């Protein structure tokens, strides 16, 4: 069985993107708690989470395009 380095690289990218998305989500949840709530901080964490979620989707699409 041969190893496809590009596929391994894309699989790693998916795992890394998923880790970043989970971290960003946890930060957003912490920032969204009622007391004390700083709306600017919540907005920044929400934007960070959205960017991480988009990166995860992009990594998954790249992996799918090249044969799952």
Protein backbone atom coordinates (compact mmCIF):
# COMPACT_ATOMS: atom_id res chain seq x y z
CA UNK A 1 0.00 0.00 0.00
CA UNK A 2 1.49 3.33 -1.03
CA UNK A 3 1.25 6.51 0.96
CA UNK A 4 -0.11 9.61 -0.71
CA UNK A 5 1.73 12.59 0.83
CA UNK A 6 -0.79 15.12 -0.51
CA UNK A 7 -3.69 13.20 1.02
CA UNK A 8 -1.87 12.93 4.35
CA UNK A 9 -1.19 16.65 4.25
CA UNK A 10 -4.87 17.38 3.61
CA UNK A 11 -5.98 14.99 6.36
CA UNK A 12 -3.64 16.75 8.77
CA UNK A 13 -5.06 20.11 7.63
CA UNK A 14 -8.57 18.87 8.46
CA UNK A 15 -7.50 17.71 11.92
CA UNK A 16 -5.72 21.00 12.63
CA UNK A 17 -8.68 23.06 11.36
CA UNK A 18 -11.05 21.03 13.54
CA UNK A 19 -8.85 21.62 16.59
CA UNK A 20 -8.80 25.36 15.93
CA UNK A 21 -12.59 25.43 15.40
CA UNK A 22 -13.19 23.63 18.72
CA UNK A 23 -10.86 26.03 20.54
CA UNK A 24 -12.52 29.07 18.99
CA UNK A 25 -15.98 27.71 19.89
CA UNK A 26 -14.96 27.16 23.52
CA UNK A 27 -13.59 30.72 23.70
CA UNK A 28 -16.84 32.08 22.24
CA UNK A 29 -18.90 30.13 24.77
CA UNK A 30 -16.81 31.52 27.65
CA UNK A 31 -17.09 35.08 26.32
CA UNK A 32 -20.87 34.73 25.87
CA UNK A 33 -21.63 34.01 29.50
CA UNK A 34 -24.01 36.55 31.01
CA UNK A 35 -21.77 38.07 33.68
CA UNK A 36 -19.62 40.00 32.92
CA UNK A 37 -20.29 40.19 29.21
CA UNK A 38 -18.19 42.41 26.97
CA UNK A 39 -19.95 42.69 23.60
CA UNK A 40 -16.75 43.65 21.76
CA UNK A 41 -14.99 40.56 23.08
CA UNK A 42 -17.96 38.36 22.18
CA UNK A 43 -17.98 39.80 18.66
CA UNK A 44 -14.24 39.20 18.24
CA UNK A 45 -14.51 35.60 19.45
CA UNK A 46 -17.52 35.04 17.19
CA UNK A 47 -15.52 36.31 14.20
CA UNK A 48 -12.58 34.08 15.17
CA UNK A 49 -14.88 31.07 15.46
CA UNK A 50 -16.53 31.82 12.09
CA UNK A 51 -13.13 32.07 10.40
CA UNK A 52 -12.07 28.78 11.98
CA UNK A 53 -15.30 27.09 10.90
CA UNK A 54 -14.83 28.33 7.31
CA UNK A 55 -11.25 27.05 7.31
CA UNK A 56 -12.48 23.65 8.49
CA UNK A 57 -15.05 23.51 5.69
CA UNK A 58 -12.38 24.47 3.18
CA UNK A 59 -10.03 21.76 4.45
CA UNK A 60 -12.80 19.16 4.27
CA UNK A 61 -13.69 20.20 0.71
CA UNK A 62 -10.04 19.98 -0.36
CA UNK A 63 -9.83 16.49 1.08
CA UNK A 64 -13.07 15.44 -0.63
CA UNK A 65 -12.00 16.85 -4.01
CA UNK A 66 -8.96 14.62 -3.98
CA UNK A 67 -10.63 11.32 -3.25
CA UNK A 68 -11.87 10.32 0.15
